[in-house]
Amino acid sequence: MLKVALHNLGCKVNSYETEAMKQLLENNGYEIVPFTDKADVYIVNTCSVTNMADRKSRQMLHKAKKKNPEGVVVATGCYVQTATEKIKEDLAIDIVVGNNKKKDLVGLLEQYFAEDKEKSFVIDINNTDEYEDFEVATVTEHTRAHIKIQDGCNNFCSYCIIPYARGRIRSRNLENIKEEIVRLSEKGFHEVVLTGINLGFYKDEDKTFIDVIEMADSIEGIERIRLGSVDPEIITEEFVARLKHVKKMCPHFHLSMQSGCDNVLKAMNRHYTTKEYFEKCEMLRSIYENPAITTDIIVGFPGETEEDFETTVEFTKKIGFSQIHVFKYSKRNGTRAAVMENQVDEQIKTKRSEVLIKQGEELMKAYRQNYINKKIEVLFEESKKINGKNYMLGHTKNYIEVAVETNDDFSGEIYEVIVQDFLNDEIVLATR
């Protein structure tokens, strides 16, 4: 029995696909071992969202070959789609698998072993417009299951390499999604997270993203529906009018913003203004009491002035985000932003990043402060020792992490608790 080790880098979509590859290999007689072990085959599901992600991808591929020079190293994921020429020259890599060919992994391995181990390339992501059925049969998380419903993106934001790495938008069949959610419910999962590269643009014939949400709401046993990252354009009056009737919806929305300055948004080729973004947030607040609104922001985009940056900082205060993920602009070859004038100095990027991270921490604390001395429902997920004490950890519907001091294990259970105080900067302390 051949031993296989897998390592995942990047987003929740990648995580989902790594788990699917693992199960595919197990079902075909391969033994899964930790990536730190000596294995016959190493599979690295790479990421390419930033230069750092590229670097980590290369490091893990080379680490695998160093671990076992005779082992077969398989590179898949977004880095291989965007750095094909570098991959061809990389002697550490034996098999290259495109993002839309992961489901064919077993066959590709068999072919490789049968054909005298010649370097193999399977890259054709931009030549497909069909969703590749590739799903997780079992889920290893105890309480929450991620479900991939969509792949690809057509937006071509000026900074982003993902449309080239993931191809054009493709959506999963609605009935197929329903079957997976039913199966997860039967296994005892209470929460599903809908994930994809550009979720809001899901479309299966006449069915759209809101239809997926409504279908999930109808599944017995599922108590929470959570969304992955969505672009603000999806938040319309029609969408919100239907959303308010979804009883199991978590009031937690990751609305990708990228900048709080209209000049920068235009240069990024984002299809909304700050005024429109604010209106979207207000729509959500019209149907939910104090929903958690989180976002991504890029600092140091080409041409971003100090005034532009200050405008972004002030806008984050106006929105009142519950959490901000801050990224320094990373030049991606092949994108329009890579050749723009007025590239921002790295030191300035770092300074702006530090300012915005601090701002985000203040906003996050202020949001959590609202729940001190209040009752709140928590789905408990895992036991953990913090500062020598035993806690059960879980999340509220609006994704506040909560800790209850206890020696008991009630993973997978939902309880009402009373929030007492902050355990640390990110976790609140509660009692049952």
Protein backbone atom coordinates (compact mmCIF):
# COMPACT_ATOMS: atom_id res chain seq x y z
CA MET A 1 0.00 0.00 0.00
CA LEU A 2 1.47 3.32 -1.11
CA LYS A 3 1.71 6.06 1.50
CA VAL A 4 0.43 9.53 0.57
CA ALA A 5 0.92 12.82 2.45
CA LEU A 6 -1.14 15.93 1.66
CA HIS A 7 -0.55 19.56 2.55
CA ASN A 8 -3.02 22.37 2.01
CA LEU A 9 -2.34 26.06 1.48
CA GLY A 10 -4.85 28.82 0.97
CA CYS A 11 -8.59 29.28 1.17
CA LYS A 12 -11.55 27.20 2.36
CA VAL A 13 -12.17 26.04 -1.21
CA ASN A 14 -8.67 24.58 -1.29
CA SER A 15 -9.27 22.95 2.12
CA TYR A 16 -12.47 21.36 0.84
CA GLU A 17 -10.70 20.03 -2.25
CA THR A 18 -7.75 18.71 -0.22
CA GLU A 19 -10.16 16.72 1.96
CA ALA A 20 -11.90 15.42 -1.18
CA MET A 21 -8.54 14.30 -2.66
CA LYS A 22 -7.65 12.59 0.60
CA GLN A 23 -10.86 10.59 0.61
CA LEU A 24 -10.48 9.74 -3.09
CA LEU A 25 -7.02 8.32 -2.41
CA GLU A 26 -8.19 6.37 0.65
CA ASN A 27 -11.04 4.84 -1.33
CA ASN A 28 -8.52 3.65 -3.91
CA GLY A 29 -6.23 1.87 -1.50
CA TYR A 30 -3.69 4.55 -0.58
CA GLU A 31 -2.61 5.04 3.04
CA ILE A 32 -2.77 8.67 4.23
CA VAL A 33 0.14 9.72 6.47
CA PRO A 34 1.18 13.08 8.01
CA PHE A 35 3.13 15.40 5.73
CA THR A 36 6.05 15.21 8.15
CA ASP A 37 6.38 11.44 7.53
CA LYS A 38 8.27 9.72 4.75
CA ALA A 39 5.75 9.00 2.02
CA ASP A 40 5.67 7.52 -1.48
CA VAL A 41 3.57 10.42 -2.80
CA TYR A 42 3.39 14.03 -1.59
CA ILE A 43 0.54 16.25 -2.72
CA VAL A 44 0.72 20.01 -2.16
CA ASN A 45 -2.47 21.97 -2.86
CA THR A 46 -0.90 25.35 -3.55
CA CYS A 47 -2.04 28.95 -3.27
CA SER A 48 -1.15 32.02 -5.31
CA VAL A 49 -3.14 34.87 -3.83
CA THR A 50 0.07 36.72 -2.81
CA ASN A 51 3.81 36.52 -3.41
CA MET A 52 4.13 35.03 0.07
CA ALA A 53 1.66 32.29 -0.88
CA ASP A 54 3.76 31.51 -3.97
CA ARG A 55 6.87 31.29 -1.79
CA LYS A 56 5.20 28.98 0.74
CA SER A 57 3.96 26.77 -2.09
CA ARG A 58 7.49 26.38 -3.50
CA GLN A 59 8.90 25.75 -0.02
CA MET A 60 6.44 22.93 0.71
CA LEU A 61 7.08 21.29 -2.67
CA HIS A 62 10.84 21.36 -2.11
CA LYS A 63 10.40 20.18 1.49
CA ALA A 64 8.51 17.15 0.21
CA LYS A 65 11.21 16.20 -2.29
CA LYS A 66 13.88 16.65 0.38
CA LYS A 67 11.93 14.39 2.75
CA ASN A 68 12.00 11.58 0.19
CA PRO A 69 14.01 12.20 -3.00
CA GLU A 70 12.54 9.00 -4.45
CA GLY A 71 8.97 10.05 -3.65
CA VAL A 72 6.52 11.45 -6.19
CA VAL A 73 5.73 15.14 -5.62
CA VAL A 74 2.39 16.34 -6.98
CA ALA A 75 1.75 20.06 -7.35
CA THR A 76 -1.83 21.21 -7.71
CA GLY A 77 -3.83 24.33 -6.88
CA CYS A 78 -3.57 27.96 -7.88
CA TYR A 79 0.21 28.39 -7.93
CA VAL A 80 0.62 25.77 -10.65
CA GLN A 81 -1.99 27.55 -12.78
CA THR A 82 -0.24 30.91 -12.57
CA ALA A 83 3.41 29.86 -12.67
CA THR A 84 3.39 27.14 -15.33
CA GLU A 85 6.82 27.97 -16.75
CA LYS A 86 8.47 27.97 -13.32
CA ILE A 87 6.76 24.68 -12.51
CA LYS A 88 8.12 23.11 -15.70
CA GLU A 89 11.66 23.98 -14.64
CA ASP A 90 11.25 22.89 -11.00
CA LEU A 91 13.02 19.56 -10.56
CA ALA A 92 11.28 18.93 -7.25
CA ILE A 93 7.92 18.43 -9.00
CA ASP A 94 6.92 15.23 -10.75
CA ILE A 95 3.22 15.70 -11.55
CA VAL A 96 1.33 18.95 -12.15
CA VAL A 97 -2.46 18.86 -11.81
CA GLY A 98 -4.73 21.76 -12.79
CA ASN A 99 -7.50 23.00 -10.50
CA ASN A 100 -10.18 21.37 -12.62
CA LYS A 101 -8.39 18.00 -12.74
CA LYS A 102 -8.08 17.18 -9.02
CA LYS A 103 -10.87 14.64 -9.33
CA ASP A 104 -8.65 12.72 -11.80
CA LEU A 105 -5.77 12.43 -9.34
CA VAL A 106 -5.86 8.66 -8.87
CA GLY A 107 -5.85 8.02 -12.61
CA LEU A 108 -3.01 10.49 -13.13
CA LEU A 109 -0.92 8.76 -10.45
CA GLU A 110 -1.55 5.35 -12.00
CA GLN A 111 -0.63 6.70 -15.42
CA TYR A 112 2.56 8.22 -14.02
CA PHE A 113 3.68 4.95 -12.40
CA ALA A 114 2.82 2.99 -15.57
CA GLU A 115 4.75 5.26 -17.95
CA ASP A 116 8.23 5.19 -16.46
CA LYS A 117 7.72 8.23 -14.27
CA GLU A 118 8.05 10.96 -16.88
CA LYS A 119 7.08 14.43 -15.72
CA SER A 120 3.37 14.92 -16.25
CA PHE A 121 1.39 18.13 -16.85
CA VAL A 122 -2.37 18.57 -16.77
CA ILE A 123 -3.23 22.27 -17.02
CA ASP A 124 -6.35 23.49 -18.85
CA ILE A 125 -8.38 25.53 -16.37
CA ASN A 126 -9.31 28.20 -18.89
CA ASN A 127 -10.86 25.72 -21.29
CA THR A 128 -13.80 24.65 -19.17
CA ASP A 129 -17.16 26.14 -18.34
CA GLU A 130 -18.59 23.13 -16.49
CA TYR A 131 -18.51 22.63 -12.73
CA GLU A 132 -16.28 19.69 -11.80
CA ASP A 133 -18.22 17.41 -9.44
CA PHE A 134 -15.78 16.79 -6.65
CA GLU A 135 -17.20 16.49 -3.19
CA VAL A 136 -16.29 15.39 0.31
CA ALA A 137 -17.87 12.09 1.31
CA THR A 138 -17.11 12.48 5.00
CA VAL A 139 -16.15 15.55 7.00
CA THR A 140 -13.46 15.58 9.64
CA GLU A 141 -14.58 18.71 11.52
CA HIS A 142 -16.79 17.95 14.48
CA THR A 143 -19.51 20.56 14.16
CA ARG A 144 -19.23 22.67 11.04
CA ALA A 145 -19.08 21.50 7.44
CA HIS A 146 -17.89 23.54 4.46
CA ILE A 147 -19.67 22.89 1.18
CA LYS A 148 -18.21 24.07 -2.09
CA ILE A 149 -20.99 25.20 -4.43
CA GLN A 150 -19.18 27.31 -7.01
CA ASP A 151 -15.79 27.85 -8.63
CA GLY A 152 -14.09 30.50 -10.76
CA CYS A 153 -14.50 34.24 -11.16
CA ASN A 154 -15.25 36.62 -14.05
CA ASN A 155 -14.56 39.92 -12.30
CA PHE A 156 -10.90 40.46 -13.23
CA CYS A 157 -10.14 42.95 -10.48
CA SER A 158 -6.93 44.67 -11.49
CA TYR A 159 -4.88 43.20 -8.60
CA CYS A 160 -6.19 39.62 -8.66
CA ILE A 161 -4.69 36.51 -10.22
CA ILE A 162 -7.58 34.19 -9.24
CA PRO A 163 -9.56 34.29 -12.54
CA TYR A 164 -6.41 32.98 -14.23
CA ALA A 165 -5.89 30.36 -11.51
CA ARG A 166 -9.49 29.20 -11.11
CA GLY A 167 -10.99 29.91 -14.52
CA ARG A 168 -14.42 31.32 -15.32
CA ILE A 169 -17.49 31.00 -13.09
CA ARG A 170 -18.95 27.50 -12.82
CA SER A 171 -21.71 26.38 -10.45
CA ARG A 172 -22.64 23.09 -8.84
CA ASN A 173 -26.02 21.47 -9.49
CA LEU A 174 -28.56 22.49 -6.82
CA GLU A 175 -29.83 18.94 -6.25
CA ASN A 176 -26.26 17.73 -5.80
CA ILE A 177 -25.70 20.39 -3.12
CA LYS A 178 -28.93 19.36 -1.41
CA GLU A 179 -27.85 15.71 -1.33
CA GLU A 180 -24.58 16.66 0.38
CA ILE A 181 -26.31 18.85 2.99
CA VAL A 182 -28.81 16.07 3.77
CA ARG A 183 -25.97 13.60 4.19
CA LEU A 184 -24.13 16.00 6.51
CA SER A 185 -27.28 16.51 8.57
CA GLU A 186 -27.69 12.76 8.93
CA LYS A 187 -24.11 12.61 10.24
CA GLY A 188 -25.03 15.05 13.00
CA PHE A 189 -23.69 18.32 11.67
CA HIS A 190 -25.57 21.41 12.82
CA GLU A 191 -23.90 24.09 10.71
CA VAL A 192 -23.03 24.32 7.02
CA VAL A 193 -20.81 26.96 5.45
CA LEU A 194 -21.42 27.68 1.76
CA THR A 195 -18.08 28.34 0.06
CA GLY A 196 -16.84 29.20 -3.41
CA ILE A 197 -14.52 31.55 -5.23
CA ASN A 198 -17.28 34.05 -6.08
CA LEU A 199 -20.30 32.75 -4.16
CA GLY A 200 -22.79 35.44 -5.01
CA PHE A 201 -22.64 34.65 -8.71
CA TYR A 202 -23.85 31.08 -8.27
CA LYS A 203 -26.28 30.10 -11.04
CA ASP A 204 -27.76 26.71 -11.92
CA GLU A 205 -30.21 27.24 -14.79
CA ASP A 206 -32.79 29.62 -13.22
CA LYS A 207 -31.57 29.06 -9.65
CA THR A 208 -29.37 31.67 -7.96
CA PHE A 209 -27.45 31.99 -4.70
CA ILE A 210 -30.53 32.83 -2.61
CA ASP A 211 -32.16 29.61 -3.85
CA VAL A 212 -29.25 27.61 -2.43
CA ILE A 213 -29.63 29.38 0.91
CA GLU A 214 -33.38 28.77 1.02
CA MET A 215 -32.90 25.11 0.14
CA ALA A 216 -30.36 24.68 2.96
CA ASP A 217 -32.82 26.33 5.33
CA SER A 218 -35.36 23.58 4.58
CA ILE A 219 -33.05 20.69 5.56
CA GLU A 220 -34.04 19.08 8.86
CA GLY A 221 -31.21 18.86 11.39
CA ILE A 222 -29.28 21.82 10.00
CA GLU A 223 -29.56 24.67 12.48
CA ARG A 224 -27.13 27.19 11.05
CA ILE A 225 -26.29 28.42 7.57
CA ARG A 226 -23.16 30.50 7.22
CA LEU A 227 -21.77 32.16 4.11
CA GLY A 228 -18.21 32.41 2.94
CA SER A 229 -16.92 35.65 1.44
CA VAL A 230 -19.34 37.44 -0.89
CA ASP A 231 -19.00 40.53 -3.04
CA PRO A 232 -21.29 43.40 -1.97
CA GLU A 233 -23.11 43.42 -5.33
CA ILE A 234 -25.08 40.37 -4.21
CA ILE A 235 -26.79 42.38 -1.44
CA THR A 236 -29.85 43.77 -3.22
CA GLU A 237 -33.33 44.66 -2.03
CA GLU A 238 -34.70 41.47 -3.60
CA PHE A 239 -31.96 39.33 -2.01
CA VAL A 240 -32.50 40.85 1.45
CA ALA A 241 -36.30 40.54 1.16
CA ARG A 242 -35.91 36.78 0.72
CA LEU A 243 -33.02 36.45 3.16
CA LYS A 244 -35.02 37.80 6.10
CA HIS A 245 -37.28 34.73 5.91
CA VAL A 246 -34.33 32.31 6.20
CA LYS A 247 -34.66 31.24 9.83
CA LYS A 248 -31.33 29.44 10.12
CA MET A 249 -29.20 32.18 8.59
CA CYS A 250 -26.21 33.30 10.64
CA PRO A 251 -26.08 37.12 10.81
CA HIS A 252 -22.41 37.08 9.85
CA PHE A 253 -21.45 38.52 6.47
CA HIS A 254 -17.96 38.76 5.04
CA LEU A 255 -18.42 41.51 2.46
CA SER A 256 -15.21 41.91 0.55
CA MET A 257 -14.44 45.65 0.35
CA GLN A 258 -10.68 45.95 -0.47
CA SER A 259 -10.65 49.74 -0.02
CA GLY A 260 -12.73 52.43 1.66
CA CYS A 261 -11.73 55.03 -0.94
CA ASP A 262 -13.58 55.48 -4.24
CA ASN A 263 -10.43 56.44 -6.16
CA VAL A 264 -8.75 53.19 -5.18
CA LEU A 265 -11.86 51.08 -5.78
CA LYS A 266 -12.07 52.42 -9.33
CA ALA A 267 -8.39 51.63 -9.97
CA MET A 268 -8.99 48.14 -8.57
CA ASN A 269 -11.88 47.60 -11.03
CA ARG A 270 -14.27 46.95 -8.16
CA HIS A 271 -17.86 47.44 -9.27
CA TYR A 272 -19.25 49.56 -6.44
CA THR A 273 -18.62 52.81 -4.57
CA THR A 274 -18.22 53.35 -0.83
CA LYS A 275 -21.71 54.87 -0.80
CA GLU A 276 -23.14 51.71 -2.34
CA TYR A 277 -21.14 49.53 0.04
CA PHE A 278 -22.51 51.44 3.03
CA GLU A 279 -26.05 51.05 1.68
CA LYS A 280 -25.53 47.27 1.41
CA CYS A 281 -24.48 47.13 5.06
CA GLU A 282 -27.54 49.13 6.07
CA MET A 283 -29.77 46.71 4.15
CA LEU A 284 -28.39 43.85 6.26
CA ARG A 285 -28.83 45.86 9.44
CA SER A 286 -32.45 46.48 8.52
CA ILE A 287 -33.23 42.76 8.94
CA TYR A 288 -30.71 41.71 11.61
CA GLU A 289 -29.94 43.23 14.98
CA ASN A 290 -26.23 44.06 15.08
CA PRO A 291 -25.02 41.60 12.41
CA ALA A 292 -21.32 40.85 12.22
CA ILE A 293 -19.90 42.47 9.09
CA THR A 294 -16.32 41.54 8.32
CA THR A 295 -14.13 42.43 5.37
CA ASP A 296 -10.80 42.29 3.54
CA ILE A 297 -8.80 45.44 2.88
CA ILE A 298 -5.71 45.85 0.72
CA VAL A 299 -3.31 48.62 1.71
CA GLY A 300 -0.66 50.13 -0.51
CA PHE A 301 -2.44 49.58 -3.81
CA PRO A 302 -0.63 51.37 -6.68
CA GLY A 303 -1.46 55.06 -6.56
CA GLU A 304 -2.98 54.94 -3.05
CA THR A 305 -2.07 58.26 -1.40
CA GLU A 306 -1.89 58.98 2.29
CA GLU A 307 -5.20 60.82 1.95
CA ASP A 308 -6.74 57.78 0.23
CA PHE A 309 -5.56 55.58 3.07
CA GLU A 310 -6.95 57.91 5.75
CA THR A 311 -10.26 57.89 3.89
CA THR A 312 -10.27 54.08 4.15
CA VAL A 313 -9.50 54.18 7.88
CA GLU A 314 -12.37 56.58 8.52
CA PHE A 315 -14.72 54.51 6.40
CA THR A 316 -14.00 51.40 8.48
CA LYS A 317 -15.14 53.36 11.55
CA LYS A 318 -18.30 54.45 9.74
CA ILE A 319 -19.18 50.85 8.85
CA GLY A 320 -18.25 49.50 12.29
CA PHE A 321 -16.78 46.21 11.12
CA SER A 322 -16.62 43.36 13.61
CA GLN A 323 -13.36 42.21 12.06
CA ILE A 324 -10.96 43.35 9.35
CA HIS A 325 -8.47 41.18 7.46
CA VAL A 326 -5.64 43.41 6.29
CA PHE A 327 -3.36 42.59 3.35
CA LYS A 328 -0.45 44.52 1.94
CA TYR A 329 -0.77 44.85 -1.83
CA SER A 330 1.20 42.07 -3.51
CA LYS A 331 2.18 42.51 -7.16
CA ARG A 332 0.91 39.59 -9.27
CA ASN A 333 2.49 39.32 -12.71
CA GLY A 334 -0.13 39.18 -15.44
CA THR A 335 -2.53 41.56 -13.71
CA ARG A 336 -3.13 45.19 -14.70
CA ALA A 337 -2.10 46.49 -11.29
CA ALA A 338 1.36 44.95 -11.67
CA VAL A 339 2.25 47.47 -14.37
CA MET A 340 0.50 50.49 -12.89
CA GLU A 341 2.49 53.60 -12.11
CA ASN A 342 3.06 54.92 -8.59
CA GLN A 343 3.76 51.58 -6.90
CA VAL A 344 3.78 52.12 -3.13
CA ASP A 345 6.98 51.59 -1.15
CA GLU A 346 7.03 48.44 1.00
CA GLN A 347 7.80 50.39 4.17
CA ILE A 348 4.74 52.58 3.60
CA LYS A 349 2.63 49.45 3.03
CA THR A 350 3.88 48.02 6.32
CA LYS A 351 3.12 51.24 8.20
CA ARG A 352 -0.39 51.46 6.76
CA SER A 353 -0.99 47.80 7.50
CA GLU A 354 -0.04 48.28 11.15
CA VAL A 355 -2.37 51.28 11.48
CA LEU A 356 -5.32 49.43 9.97
CA ILE A 357 -4.70 46.24 11.94
CA LYS A 358 -4.80 48.28 15.15
CA GLN A 359 -7.99 49.96 13.98
CA GLY A 360 -9.48 46.55 13.25
CA GLU A 361 -8.59 45.28 16.72
CA GLU A 362 -10.35 48.26 18.29
CA LEU A 363 -13.46 47.68 16.19
CA MET A 364 -13.48 43.97 16.99
CA LYS A 365 -13.27 44.64 20.73
CA ALA A 366 -16.01 47.26 20.53
CA TYR A 367 -18.29 44.82 18.70
CA ARG A 368 -17.73 42.06 21.27
CA GLN A 369 -18.19 44.52 24.12
CA ASN A 370 -21.86 44.78 23.10
CA TYR A 371 -22.42 41.22 24.32
CA ILE A 372 -20.99 41.48 27.84
CA ASN A 373 -23.66 40.39 30.38
CA LYS A 374 -25.96 39.16 27.61
CA LYS A 375 -27.34 35.72 26.76
CA ILE A 376 -26.09 34.31 23.50
CA GLU A 377 -26.33 30.97 21.70
CA VAL A 378 -23.11 29.06 21.06
CA LEU A 379 -22.32 26.00 18.95
CA PHE A 380 -19.47 24.35 20.86
CA GLU A 381 -16.70 22.85 18.78
CA GLU A 382 -13.63 21.77 20.76
CA SER A 383 -11.99 21.51 24.16
CA LYS A 384 -8.78 23.45 24.70
CA LYS A 385 -6.41 24.31 27.52
CA ILE A 386 -5.67 28.04 27.84
CA ASN A 387 -3.31 29.37 30.52
CA GLY A 388 -3.53 26.06 32.37
CA LYS A 389 -7.36 25.95 32.47
CA ASN A 390 -9.72 23.70 30.52
CA TYR A 391 -12.29 25.34 28.27
CA MET A 392 -14.90 24.41 25.70
CA LEU A 393 -14.71 26.74 22.72
CA GLY A 394 -17.35 27.56 20.15
CA HIS A 395 -18.89 30.31 18.07
CA THR A 396 -22.06 32.35 18.17
CA LYS A 397 -24.16 32.82 15.05
CA ASN A 398 -22.35 36.12 14.43
CA TYR A 399 -19.02 34.35 14.80
CA ILE A 400 -17.86 35.58 18.19
CA GLU A 401 -15.57 32.98 19.70
CA VAL A 402 -16.73 31.99 23.18
CA ALA A 403 -15.00 30.01 25.94
CA VAL A 404 -16.65 28.25 28.89
CA GLU A 405 -14.40 26.92 31.65
CA THR A 406 -15.24 23.22 32.11
CA ASN A 407 -13.78 19.72 32.17
CA ASP A 408 -16.76 18.37 30.23
CA ASP A 409 -16.81 17.83 26.46
CA PHE A 410 -19.99 18.98 24.74
CA SER A 411 -18.65 19.39 21.20
CA GLY A 412 -21.42 19.60 18.65
CA GLU A 413 -23.97 20.87 21.17
CA ILE A 414 -25.71 24.24 21.13
CA TYR A 415 -26.22 26.02 24.47
CA GLU A 416 -27.25 29.43 25.64
CA VAL A 417 -24.54 31.11 27.73
CA ILE A 418 -24.07 34.41 29.50
CA VAL A 419 -21.05 36.42 28.42
CA GLN A 420 -19.00 37.61 31.41
CA ASP A 421 -15.82 39.23 30.15
CA PHE A 422 -12.95 38.99 27.69
CA LEU A 423 -10.73 35.92 28.04
CA ASN A 424 -8.25 37.53 25.65
CA ASP A 425 -8.36 39.97 22.73
CA GLU A 426 -10.26 37.53 20.48
CA ILE A 427 -12.24 35.25 22.82
CA VAL A 428 -15.00 36.16 25.28
CA LEU A 429 -15.55 34.24 28.51
CA ALA A 430 -19.03 32.94 29.35
CA THR A 431 -20.89 30.74 31.82
CA ARG A 432 -23.65 28.22 31.12
